[in-house]
């Protein structure tokens, strides 16, 4: 049985690789939404993918570190309310880890639904609650603006994770050998 918060060498390596990919995608592969400072971020598909494979700690750290580094490089300092929200979104998504068997080559429609329920909950909590509340508390931002930005971030991030995260999990599952699929020839 998988443990929810297990940390192994494999998880640490995956976290480093995932954070690097997240950082690069966050900086260079995004689509503006029309709302100031909000873009459709393909990086969340990678965060969700790694979270589903390696659990909530890896997912949360990948998004937190990736967003932190991206902000620091691009803007000189991170916008911590959104960095924390990124970590929360992928941490919650990673809670589906114990319910999935992608590493064993299994990713069914039911698994896709489970993954997407967790990632949608993660995005709602992160972008409609955590980011706006922290924007108000930390930066004294206007309520109307931060909740509009939160919704504008939640929807495209959830869609990105639903489409590309699900696709990555499906494709990855096809590269894994199913348990008991290898037989010995006489």
N, C-alpha and C. Protein backbone atom coordinates (compact mmCIF):
# COMPACT_ATOMS: atom_id res chain seq x y z
N UNK A 1 0.84 -1.19 0.00
CA UNK A 1 0.00 0.00 0.00
C UNK A 1 0.89 1.26 0.00
N UNK A 2 0.48 2.23 -0.79
CA UNK A 2 1.23 3.48 -0.86
C UNK A 2 0.96 4.31 0.38
N UNK A 3 1.98 4.98 0.84
CA UNK A 3 1.81 5.89 1.96
C UNK A 3 1.65 7.30 1.42
N UNK A 4 0.73 8.02 2.00
CA UNK A 4 0.38 9.36 1.52
C UNK A 4 1.57 10.32 1.55
N UNK A 5 2.33 10.30 2.63
CA UNK A 5 3.39 11.30 2.80
C UNK A 5 4.79 10.69 2.80
N UNK A 6 4.95 9.54 2.14
CA UNK A 6 6.26 8.89 2.07
C UNK A 6 7.22 9.72 1.22
N UNK A 7 8.45 9.82 1.70
CA UNK A 7 9.49 10.54 0.96
C UNK A 7 10.64 9.58 0.74
N UNK A 8 10.98 9.37 -0.53
CA UNK A 8 12.10 8.50 -0.88
C UNK A 8 13.07 9.29 -1.74
N UNK A 9 14.17 8.66 -2.06
CA UNK A 9 15.15 9.30 -2.96
C UNK A 9 14.48 9.60 -4.30
N UNK A 10 13.66 8.67 -4.77
CA UNK A 10 12.94 8.85 -6.03
C UNK A 10 12.03 10.10 -5.96
N UNK A 11 11.37 10.30 -4.83
CA UNK A 11 10.50 11.45 -4.65
C UNK A 11 11.30 12.75 -4.64
N UNK A 12 12.45 12.73 -4.01
CA UNK A 12 13.30 13.93 -3.95
C UNK A 12 13.81 14.30 -5.34
N UNK A 13 14.25 13.29 -6.09
CA UNK A 13 14.73 13.53 -7.45
C UNK A 13 13.58 14.05 -8.32
N UNK A 14 12.42 13.43 -8.20
CA UNK A 14 11.25 13.86 -8.98
C UNK A 14 10.86 15.29 -8.62
N UNK A 15 10.99 15.66 -7.35
CA UNK A 15 10.67 17.02 -6.91
C UNK A 15 11.62 18.02 -7.56
N UNK A 16 12.91 17.71 -7.59
CA UNK A 16 13.87 18.61 -8.23
C UNK A 16 13.61 18.75 -9.72
N UNK A 17 13.39 17.63 -10.39
CA UNK A 17 13.11 17.66 -11.83
C UNK A 17 11.80 18.39 -12.10
N UNK A 18 10.78 18.07 -11.32
CA UNK A 18 9.48 18.71 -11.50
C UNK A 18 9.54 20.21 -11.27
N UNK A 19 10.27 20.64 -10.25
CA UNK A 19 10.39 22.07 -9.97
C UNK A 19 11.10 22.79 -11.11
N UNK A 20 12.12 22.16 -11.67
CA UNK A 20 12.83 22.77 -12.81
C UNK A 20 11.91 22.90 -14.02
N UNK A 21 11.17 21.84 -14.33
CA UNK A 21 10.22 21.90 -15.45
C UNK A 21 9.13 22.93 -15.19
N UNK A 22 8.61 22.94 -13.97
CA UNK A 22 7.57 23.89 -13.60
C UNK A 22 8.07 25.32 -13.80
N UNK A 23 9.29 25.60 -13.32
CA UNK A 23 9.87 26.94 -13.45
C UNK A 23 9.95 27.37 -14.91
N UNK A 24 10.50 26.51 -15.75
CA UNK A 24 10.65 26.84 -17.16
C UNK A 24 9.31 27.04 -17.85
N UNK A 25 8.37 26.13 -17.62
CA UNK A 25 7.05 26.28 -18.23
C UNK A 25 6.34 27.53 -17.71
N UNK A 26 6.47 27.78 -16.42
CA UNK A 26 5.83 28.94 -15.81
C UNK A 26 6.34 30.24 -16.42
N UNK A 27 7.61 30.26 -16.77
CA UNK A 27 8.20 31.47 -17.33
C UNK A 27 7.92 31.63 -18.82
N UNK A 28 7.92 30.52 -19.57
CA UNK A 28 7.93 30.64 -21.02
C UNK A 28 6.72 30.09 -21.76
N UNK A 29 5.90 29.25 -21.14
CA UNK A 29 4.77 28.64 -21.86
C UNK A 29 3.47 28.99 -21.13
N UNK A 30 2.97 30.18 -21.43
CA UNK A 30 1.76 30.67 -20.79
C UNK A 30 0.96 31.49 -21.79
N UNK A 31 -0.35 31.60 -21.52
CA UNK A 31 -1.25 32.33 -22.40
C UNK A 31 -1.99 33.37 -21.55
N UNK A 32 -1.94 34.64 -21.93
CA UNK A 32 -2.64 35.68 -21.16
C UNK A 32 -4.16 35.43 -21.13
N UNK A 33 -4.78 35.77 -20.00
CA UNK A 33 -6.23 35.57 -19.86
C UNK A 33 -7.03 36.84 -20.11
N UNK A 34 -6.36 37.98 -20.13
CA UNK A 34 -7.08 39.25 -20.24
C UNK A 34 -7.26 39.94 -18.90
N UNK A 35 -7.04 39.20 -17.82
CA UNK A 35 -7.10 39.76 -16.47
C UNK A 35 -5.66 40.11 -16.08
N UNK A 36 -5.42 41.32 -15.55
CA UNK A 36 -4.05 41.71 -15.22
C UNK A 36 -3.33 40.70 -14.32
N UNK A 37 -2.10 40.39 -14.68
CA UNK A 37 -1.22 39.49 -13.93
C UNK A 37 -1.72 38.06 -13.81
N UNK A 38 -2.61 37.62 -14.72
CA UNK A 38 -3.13 36.25 -14.69
C UNK A 38 -2.98 35.64 -16.08
N UNK A 39 -2.33 34.46 -16.13
CA UNK A 39 -2.15 33.74 -17.39
C UNK A 39 -2.57 32.29 -17.22
N UNK A 40 -2.93 31.66 -18.33
CA UNK A 40 -3.13 30.22 -18.35
C UNK A 40 -1.73 29.61 -18.29
N UNK A 41 -1.46 28.85 -17.27
CA UNK A 41 -0.11 28.33 -17.02
C UNK A 41 -0.05 26.82 -17.29
N UNK A 42 0.71 26.43 -18.30
CA UNK A 42 0.87 25.01 -18.60
C UNK A 42 1.65 24.27 -17.51
N UNK A 43 2.38 25.02 -16.70
CA UNK A 43 3.18 24.41 -15.63
C UNK A 43 2.33 23.60 -14.66
N UNK A 44 1.08 23.98 -14.48
CA UNK A 44 0.24 23.26 -13.52
C UNK A 44 -0.07 21.84 -13.97
N UNK A 45 -0.05 21.58 -15.27
CA UNK A 45 -0.23 20.21 -15.75
C UNK A 45 0.93 19.34 -15.29
N UNK A 46 2.14 19.89 -15.34
CA UNK A 46 3.33 19.16 -14.87
C UNK A 46 3.26 18.98 -13.36
N UNK A 47 2.87 20.04 -12.64
CA UNK A 47 2.72 19.93 -11.19
C UNK A 47 1.70 18.87 -10.80
N UNK A 48 0.57 18.85 -11.49
CA UNK A 48 -0.47 17.85 -11.22
C UNK A 48 -0.02 16.44 -11.56
N UNK A 49 0.69 16.31 -12.66
CA UNK A 49 1.22 15.00 -13.09
C UNK A 49 2.16 14.43 -12.03
N UNK A 50 3.14 15.23 -11.62
CA UNK A 50 4.09 14.78 -10.60
C UNK A 50 3.39 14.54 -9.25
N UNK A 51 2.42 15.38 -8.92
CA UNK A 51 1.68 15.21 -7.66
C UNK A 51 0.94 13.88 -7.65
N UNK A 52 0.32 13.53 -8.76
CA UNK A 52 -0.41 12.27 -8.84
C UNK A 52 0.53 11.07 -8.75
N UNK A 53 1.73 11.21 -9.30
CA UNK A 53 2.70 10.10 -9.27
C UNK A 53 3.42 9.97 -7.94
N UNK A 54 3.79 11.11 -7.32
CA UNK A 54 4.68 11.07 -6.15
C UNK A 54 4.06 11.57 -4.86
N UNK A 55 2.83 12.05 -4.91
CA UNK A 55 2.14 12.44 -3.69
C UNK A 55 2.10 13.93 -3.42
N UNK A 56 1.42 14.31 -2.36
CA UNK A 56 1.17 15.71 -2.06
C UNK A 56 2.41 16.53 -1.69
N UNK A 57 3.37 15.93 -1.02
CA UNK A 57 4.57 16.69 -0.64
C UNK A 57 5.35 17.06 -1.89
N UNK A 58 5.58 16.09 -2.78
CA UNK A 58 6.28 16.38 -4.03
C UNK A 58 5.50 17.41 -4.85
N UNK A 59 4.20 17.21 -5.00
CA UNK A 59 3.38 18.15 -5.78
C UNK A 59 3.42 19.55 -5.22
N UNK A 60 3.25 19.67 -3.91
CA UNK A 60 3.27 20.99 -3.28
C UNK A 60 4.62 21.67 -3.41
N UNK A 61 5.70 20.92 -3.19
CA UNK A 61 7.05 21.50 -3.30
C UNK A 61 7.38 21.88 -4.74
N UNK A 62 6.99 21.07 -5.69
CA UNK A 62 7.26 21.37 -7.11
C UNK A 62 6.63 22.70 -7.49
N UNK A 63 5.36 22.88 -7.18
CA UNK A 63 4.67 24.12 -7.55
C UNK A 63 5.19 25.31 -6.74
N UNK A 64 5.42 25.10 -5.45
CA UNK A 64 5.92 26.18 -4.59
C UNK A 64 7.29 26.65 -5.07
N UNK A 65 8.22 25.72 -5.21
CA UNK A 65 9.59 26.07 -5.62
C UNK A 65 9.60 26.62 -7.04
N UNK A 66 8.87 25.96 -7.95
CA UNK A 66 8.83 26.42 -9.34
C UNK A 66 8.29 27.82 -9.49
N UNK A 67 7.20 28.12 -8.78
CA UNK A 67 6.60 29.46 -8.84
C UNK A 67 7.53 30.48 -8.17
N UNK A 68 8.11 30.11 -7.04
CA UNK A 68 9.04 30.98 -6.32
C UNK A 68 10.24 31.37 -7.20
N UNK A 69 10.86 30.38 -7.82
CA UNK A 69 12.02 30.64 -8.68
C UNK A 69 11.64 31.47 -9.90
N UNK A 70 10.52 31.15 -10.49
CA UNK A 70 10.06 31.90 -11.67
C UNK A 70 9.84 33.36 -11.34
N UNK A 71 9.13 33.63 -10.25
CA UNK A 71 8.90 35.02 -9.84
C UNK A 71 10.21 35.74 -9.51
N UNK A 72 11.10 35.04 -8.81
CA UNK A 72 12.37 35.66 -8.43
C UNK A 72 13.20 36.03 -9.66
N UNK A 73 13.23 35.15 -10.64
CA UNK A 73 14.02 35.40 -11.85
C UNK A 73 13.36 36.48 -12.72
N UNK A 74 12.04 36.38 -12.91
CA UNK A 74 11.36 37.30 -13.81
C UNK A 74 11.13 38.69 -13.21
N UNK A 75 10.78 38.73 -11.92
CA UNK A 75 10.34 39.99 -11.33
C UNK A 75 11.25 40.50 -10.22
N UNK A 76 12.23 39.73 -9.82
CA UNK A 76 13.14 40.15 -8.77
C UNK A 76 12.73 39.73 -7.38
N UNK A 77 11.46 39.49 -7.18
CA UNK A 77 10.98 38.98 -5.89
C UNK A 77 9.67 38.23 -6.11
N UNK A 78 9.44 37.18 -5.32
CA UNK A 78 8.22 36.39 -5.49
C UNK A 78 7.00 37.07 -4.87
N UNK A 79 5.85 36.84 -5.45
CA UNK A 79 4.57 37.28 -4.90
C UNK A 79 4.08 36.11 -4.06
N UNK A 80 4.40 36.14 -2.76
CA UNK A 80 4.28 34.97 -1.89
C UNK A 80 2.86 34.43 -1.75
N UNK A 81 1.86 35.27 -1.83
CA UNK A 81 0.49 34.76 -1.70
C UNK A 81 0.18 33.77 -2.81
N UNK A 82 0.65 34.06 -4.01
CA UNK A 82 0.38 33.18 -5.15
C UNK A 82 1.36 32.00 -5.18
N UNK A 83 2.56 32.20 -4.69
CA UNK A 83 3.51 31.09 -4.58
C UNK A 83 2.94 30.04 -3.63
N UNK A 84 2.44 30.48 -2.50
CA UNK A 84 1.83 29.56 -1.53
C UNK A 84 0.61 28.88 -2.14
N UNK A 85 -0.22 29.65 -2.84
CA UNK A 85 -1.41 29.08 -3.47
C UNK A 85 -1.04 28.01 -4.50
N UNK A 86 0.03 28.24 -5.25
CA UNK A 86 0.49 27.22 -6.21
C UNK A 86 0.82 25.93 -5.49
N UNK A 87 1.56 26.05 -4.39
CA UNK A 87 1.90 24.87 -3.61
C UNK A 87 0.67 24.16 -3.07
N UNK A 88 -0.31 24.93 -2.60
CA UNK A 88 -1.55 24.36 -2.08
C UNK A 88 -2.30 23.60 -3.17
N UNK A 89 -2.40 24.19 -4.37
CA UNK A 89 -3.12 23.55 -5.47
C UNK A 89 -2.54 22.17 -5.79
N UNK A 90 -1.23 22.10 -5.90
CA UNK A 90 -0.60 20.82 -6.26
C UNK A 90 -0.49 19.87 -5.07
N UNK A 91 -0.42 20.42 -3.84
CA UNK A 91 -0.45 19.56 -2.65
C UNK A 91 -1.78 18.82 -2.59
N UNK A 92 -2.87 19.56 -2.74
CA UNK A 92 -4.20 18.93 -2.68
C UNK A 92 -4.38 17.95 -3.84
N UNK A 93 -3.91 18.32 -5.01
CA UNK A 93 -3.98 17.39 -6.15
C UNK A 93 -3.25 16.09 -5.82
N UNK A 94 -2.11 16.19 -5.16
CA UNK A 94 -1.32 15.01 -4.81
C UNK A 94 -1.98 14.07 -3.83
N UNK A 95 -3.04 14.51 -3.18
CA UNK A 95 -3.76 13.62 -2.27
C UNK A 95 -4.41 12.44 -3.00
N UNK A 96 -4.57 12.56 -4.33
CA UNK A 96 -5.13 11.46 -5.12
C UNK A 96 -4.11 10.34 -5.33
N UNK A 97 -2.86 10.59 -5.00
CA UNK A 97 -1.76 9.64 -5.23
C UNK A 97 -2.06 8.23 -4.72
N UNK A 98 -2.61 8.10 -3.53
CA UNK A 98 -2.86 6.77 -2.97
C UNK A 98 -4.02 6.05 -3.65
N UNK A 99 -4.82 6.77 -4.39
CA UNK A 99 -5.96 6.16 -5.07
C UNK A 99 -5.64 5.74 -6.50
N UNK A 100 -4.49 6.14 -7.02
CA UNK A 100 -4.12 5.85 -8.41
C UNK A 100 -3.01 4.81 -8.48
N UNK A 101 -2.96 4.11 -9.60
CA UNK A 101 -1.93 3.09 -9.84
C UNK A 101 -1.26 3.32 -11.18
N UNK A 102 -0.94 4.56 -11.46
CA UNK A 102 -0.33 4.91 -12.75
C UNK A 102 1.00 4.20 -12.93
N UNK A 103 1.80 4.09 -11.88
CA UNK A 103 3.10 3.42 -11.95
C UNK A 103 2.96 1.95 -12.33
N UNK A 104 1.80 1.37 -12.07
CA UNK A 104 1.56 -0.04 -12.42
C UNK A 104 0.92 -0.17 -13.80
N UNK A 105 0.85 0.93 -14.54
CA UNK A 105 0.31 0.90 -15.89
C UNK A 105 -1.21 0.99 -15.95
N UNK A 106 -1.81 1.47 -14.88
CA UNK A 106 -3.27 1.55 -14.83
C UNK A 106 -3.71 3.01 -14.71
N UNK A 107 -4.49 3.46 -15.67
CA UNK A 107 -5.10 4.79 -15.60
C UNK A 107 -6.40 4.72 -16.39
N UNK A 108 -7.48 4.45 -15.66
CA UNK A 108 -8.79 4.27 -16.26
C UNK A 108 -9.57 5.59 -16.26
N UNK A 109 -10.76 5.56 -16.83
CA UNK A 109 -11.63 6.73 -16.80
C UNK A 109 -11.95 7.09 -15.34
N UNK A 110 -12.16 6.08 -14.50
CA UNK A 110 -12.41 6.32 -13.08
C UNK A 110 -11.22 7.03 -12.45
N UNK A 111 -10.01 6.62 -12.79
CA UNK A 111 -8.80 7.27 -12.27
C UNK A 111 -8.71 8.72 -12.74
N UNK A 112 -9.06 8.95 -13.99
CA UNK A 112 -9.05 10.33 -14.53
C UNK A 112 -10.05 11.19 -13.77
N UNK A 113 -11.20 10.63 -13.44
CA UNK A 113 -12.21 11.38 -12.67
C UNK A 113 -11.67 11.68 -11.27
N UNK A 114 -11.06 10.69 -10.63
CA UNK A 114 -10.49 10.89 -9.28
C UNK A 114 -9.44 12.00 -9.32
N UNK A 115 -8.50 11.90 -10.27
CA UNK A 115 -7.46 12.92 -10.41
C UNK A 115 -8.09 14.31 -10.59
N UNK A 116 -9.08 14.40 -11.45
CA UNK A 116 -9.67 15.70 -11.76
C UNK A 116 -10.52 16.25 -10.63
N UNK A 117 -11.15 15.41 -9.85
CA UNK A 117 -11.88 15.90 -8.67
C UNK A 117 -10.88 16.53 -7.70
N UNK A 118 -9.77 15.85 -7.45
CA UNK A 118 -8.76 16.40 -6.53
C UNK A 118 -8.14 17.68 -7.06
N UNK A 119 -7.81 17.73 -8.35
CA UNK A 119 -7.17 18.94 -8.88
C UNK A 119 -8.13 20.11 -8.93
N UNK A 120 -9.41 19.86 -9.19
CA UNK A 120 -10.39 20.95 -9.18
C UNK A 120 -10.55 21.49 -7.76
N UNK A 121 -10.66 20.60 -6.78
CA UNK A 121 -10.75 21.03 -5.39
C UNK A 121 -9.49 21.83 -5.02
N UNK A 122 -8.32 21.32 -5.41
CA UNK A 122 -7.07 22.02 -5.14
C UNK A 122 -7.03 23.40 -5.75
N UNK A 123 -7.47 23.53 -6.99
CA UNK A 123 -7.47 24.84 -7.65
C UNK A 123 -8.48 25.79 -7.02
N UNK A 124 -9.65 25.30 -6.67
CA UNK A 124 -10.65 26.16 -6.02
C UNK A 124 -10.12 26.67 -4.68
N UNK A 125 -9.61 25.76 -3.86
CA UNK A 125 -9.08 26.17 -2.55
C UNK A 125 -7.93 27.17 -2.72
N UNK A 126 -7.01 26.85 -3.64
CA UNK A 126 -5.82 27.69 -3.83
C UNK A 126 -6.15 29.07 -4.37
N UNK A 127 -6.96 29.13 -5.42
CA UNK A 127 -7.13 30.39 -6.16
C UNK A 127 -8.34 31.20 -5.73
N UNK A 128 -9.35 30.56 -5.15
CA UNK A 128 -10.54 31.31 -4.75
C UNK A 128 -10.54 31.60 -3.26
N UNK A 129 -9.70 30.88 -2.51
CA UNK A 129 -9.62 31.13 -1.06
C UNK A 129 -8.22 31.60 -0.66
N UNK A 130 -7.21 30.74 -0.84
CA UNK A 130 -5.87 31.02 -0.31
C UNK A 130 -5.24 32.27 -0.93
N UNK A 131 -5.14 32.33 -2.26
CA UNK A 131 -4.47 33.47 -2.91
C UNK A 131 -5.15 34.81 -2.59
N UNK A 132 -6.48 34.92 -2.75
CA UNK A 132 -7.10 36.22 -2.43
C UNK A 132 -6.96 36.63 -0.96
N UNK A 133 -7.16 35.66 -0.06
CA UNK A 133 -7.07 35.99 1.37
C UNK A 133 -5.65 36.43 1.71
N UNK A 134 -4.65 35.72 1.22
CA UNK A 134 -3.26 36.11 1.49
C UNK A 134 -2.90 37.43 0.81
N UNK A 135 -3.46 37.69 -0.38
CA UNK A 135 -3.25 39.00 -1.03
C UNK A 135 -3.75 40.13 -0.14
N UNK A 136 -4.89 39.92 0.47
CA UNK A 136 -5.48 40.94 1.35
C UNK A 136 -4.65 41.09 2.63
N UNK A 137 -4.29 39.96 3.23
CA UNK A 137 -3.57 39.97 4.51
C UNK A 137 -2.13 40.46 4.34
N UNK A 138 -1.42 39.94 3.35
CA UNK A 138 0.00 40.27 3.18
C UNK A 138 0.21 41.60 2.48
N UNK A 139 -0.54 41.83 1.39
CA UNK A 139 -0.27 42.98 0.53
C UNK A 139 -1.33 44.08 0.57
N UNK A 140 -2.38 43.89 1.38
CA UNK A 140 -3.47 44.86 1.50
C UNK A 140 -4.07 45.21 0.13
N UNK A 141 -4.21 44.20 -0.72
CA UNK A 141 -4.79 44.38 -2.05
C UNK A 141 -6.31 44.55 -1.92
N UNK A 142 -6.94 45.24 -2.88
CA UNK A 142 -8.39 45.42 -2.84
C UNK A 142 -9.14 44.09 -3.06
N UNK A 143 -10.17 43.88 -2.24
CA UNK A 143 -10.93 42.62 -2.28
C UNK A 143 -11.47 42.29 -3.67
N UNK A 144 -12.06 43.28 -4.33
CA UNK A 144 -12.68 43.04 -5.64
C UNK A 144 -11.65 42.52 -6.64
N UNK A 145 -10.49 43.12 -6.63
CA UNK A 145 -9.45 42.74 -7.58
C UNK A 145 -8.95 41.33 -7.32
N UNK A 146 -8.64 41.00 -6.07
CA UNK A 146 -7.99 39.72 -5.79
C UNK A 146 -8.93 38.53 -6.01
N UNK A 147 -10.21 38.70 -5.73
CA UNK A 147 -11.14 37.60 -5.97
C UNK A 147 -11.40 37.42 -7.46
N UNK A 148 -11.41 38.51 -8.21
CA UNK A 148 -11.52 38.42 -9.67
C UNK A 148 -10.30 37.71 -10.24
N UNK A 149 -9.12 38.10 -9.78
CA UNK A 149 -7.89 37.44 -10.22
C UNK A 149 -7.89 35.95 -9.82
N UNK A 150 -8.38 35.66 -8.63
CA UNK A 150 -8.43 34.28 -8.16
C UNK A 150 -9.28 33.40 -9.05
N UNK A 151 -10.47 33.87 -9.39
CA UNK A 151 -11.35 33.11 -10.28
C UNK A 151 -10.72 33.00 -11.66
N UNK A 152 -10.11 34.10 -12.12
CA UNK A 152 -9.46 34.10 -13.44
C UNK A 152 -8.26 33.16 -13.48
N UNK A 153 -7.64 32.87 -12.35
CA UNK A 153 -6.54 31.90 -12.30
C UNK A 153 -7.07 30.48 -12.13
N UNK A 154 -8.10 30.32 -11.32
CA UNK A 154 -8.64 28.99 -11.01
C UNK A 154 -9.13 28.27 -12.26
N UNK A 155 -9.91 28.93 -13.07
CA UNK A 155 -10.54 28.28 -14.21
C UNK A 155 -9.51 27.79 -15.24
N UNK A 156 -8.61 28.64 -15.73
CA UNK A 156 -7.65 28.12 -16.72
C UNK A 156 -6.66 27.10 -16.13
N UNK A 157 -6.29 27.26 -14.86
CA UNK A 157 -5.39 26.28 -14.25
C UNK A 157 -6.06 24.92 -14.12
N UNK A 158 -7.33 24.91 -13.74
CA UNK A 158 -8.08 23.65 -13.64
C UNK A 158 -8.25 23.01 -15.02
N UNK A 159 -8.50 23.84 -16.03
CA UNK A 159 -8.65 23.31 -17.39
C UNK A 159 -7.31 22.75 -17.89
N UNK A 160 -6.23 23.47 -17.64
CA UNK A 160 -4.90 23.00 -18.04
C UNK A 160 -4.58 21.66 -17.39
N UNK A 161 -4.84 21.56 -16.09
CA UNK A 161 -4.56 20.31 -15.39
C UNK A 161 -5.48 19.20 -15.87
N UNK A 162 -6.73 19.55 -16.17
CA UNK A 162 -7.69 18.53 -16.63
C UNK A 162 -7.26 17.97 -17.99
N UNK A 163 -6.90 18.84 -18.91
CA UNK A 163 -6.55 18.37 -20.25
C UNK A 163 -5.15 17.77 -20.28
N UNK A 164 -4.15 18.59 -19.98
CA UNK A 164 -2.77 18.15 -20.14
C UNK A 164 -2.30 17.23 -19.02
N UNK A 165 -2.73 17.48 -17.78
CA UNK A 165 -2.36 16.60 -16.68
C UNK A 165 -2.93 15.20 -16.88
N UNK A 166 -4.20 15.12 -17.26
CA UNK A 166 -4.83 13.83 -17.52
C UNK A 166 -4.14 13.13 -18.68
N UNK A 167 -3.85 13.87 -19.73
CA UNK A 167 -3.17 13.29 -20.90
C UNK A 167 -1.78 12.76 -20.53
N UNK A 168 -1.02 13.54 -19.76
CA UNK A 168 0.31 13.08 -19.32
C UNK A 168 0.20 11.80 -18.49
N UNK A 169 -0.78 11.73 -17.59
CA UNK A 169 -0.95 10.53 -16.77
C UNK A 169 -1.34 9.33 -17.63
N UNK A 170 -2.22 9.54 -18.58
CA UNK A 170 -2.64 8.45 -19.46
C UNK A 170 -1.45 7.93 -20.29
N UNK A 171 -0.72 8.85 -20.90
CA UNK A 171 0.43 8.46 -21.73
C UNK A 171 1.48 7.75 -20.88
N UNK A 172 1.77 8.31 -19.71
CA UNK A 172 2.77 7.70 -18.83
C UNK A 172 2.34 6.29 -18.42
N UNK A 173 1.06 6.10 -18.12
CA UNK A 173 0.58 4.78 -17.70
C UNK A 173 0.81 3.74 -18.79
N UNK A 174 0.76 4.16 -20.05
CA UNK A 174 0.96 3.23 -21.16
C UNK A 174 2.43 2.82 -21.32
N UNK A 175 3.33 3.56 -20.67
CA UNK A 175 4.75 3.20 -20.74
C UNK A 175 5.13 2.22 -19.63
N UNK A 176 4.24 1.99 -18.70
CA UNK A 176 4.51 1.13 -17.56
C UNK A 176 3.94 -0.27 -17.82
N UNK A 177 4.64 -1.30 -17.38
CA UNK A 177 4.16 -2.67 -17.52
C UNK A 177 3.12 -2.94 -16.45
N UNK A 178 1.98 -3.49 -16.86
CA UNK A 178 0.94 -3.83 -15.90
C UNK A 178 1.39 -5.02 -15.06
N UNK A 179 1.00 -5.01 -13.80
CA UNK A 179 1.37 -6.09 -12.89
C UNK A 179 0.82 -7.41 -13.43
N UNK A 180 1.69 -8.39 -13.53
CA UNK A 180 1.28 -9.71 -14.01
C UNK A 180 1.21 -9.81 -15.52
N UNK A 181 1.64 -8.76 -16.25
CA UNK A 181 1.54 -8.79 -17.70
C UNK A 181 2.69 -9.54 -18.36
N UNK A 182 3.76 -9.76 -17.61
CA UNK A 182 4.89 -10.50 -18.15
C UNK A 182 4.76 -11.97 -17.76
N UNK A 183 4.92 -12.82 -18.75
CA UNK A 183 4.82 -14.26 -18.47
C UNK A 183 6.13 -14.91 -18.87
N UNK A 184 6.41 -16.03 -18.23
CA UNK A 184 7.64 -16.76 -18.50
C UNK A 184 7.37 -17.77 -19.60
N UNK A 185 8.25 -17.78 -20.60
CA UNK A 185 8.11 -18.76 -21.67
C UNK A 185 8.85 -20.02 -21.27
N UNK A 186 8.28 -21.17 -21.66
CA UNK A 186 8.93 -22.47 -21.36
C UNK A 186 9.89 -22.86 -22.44
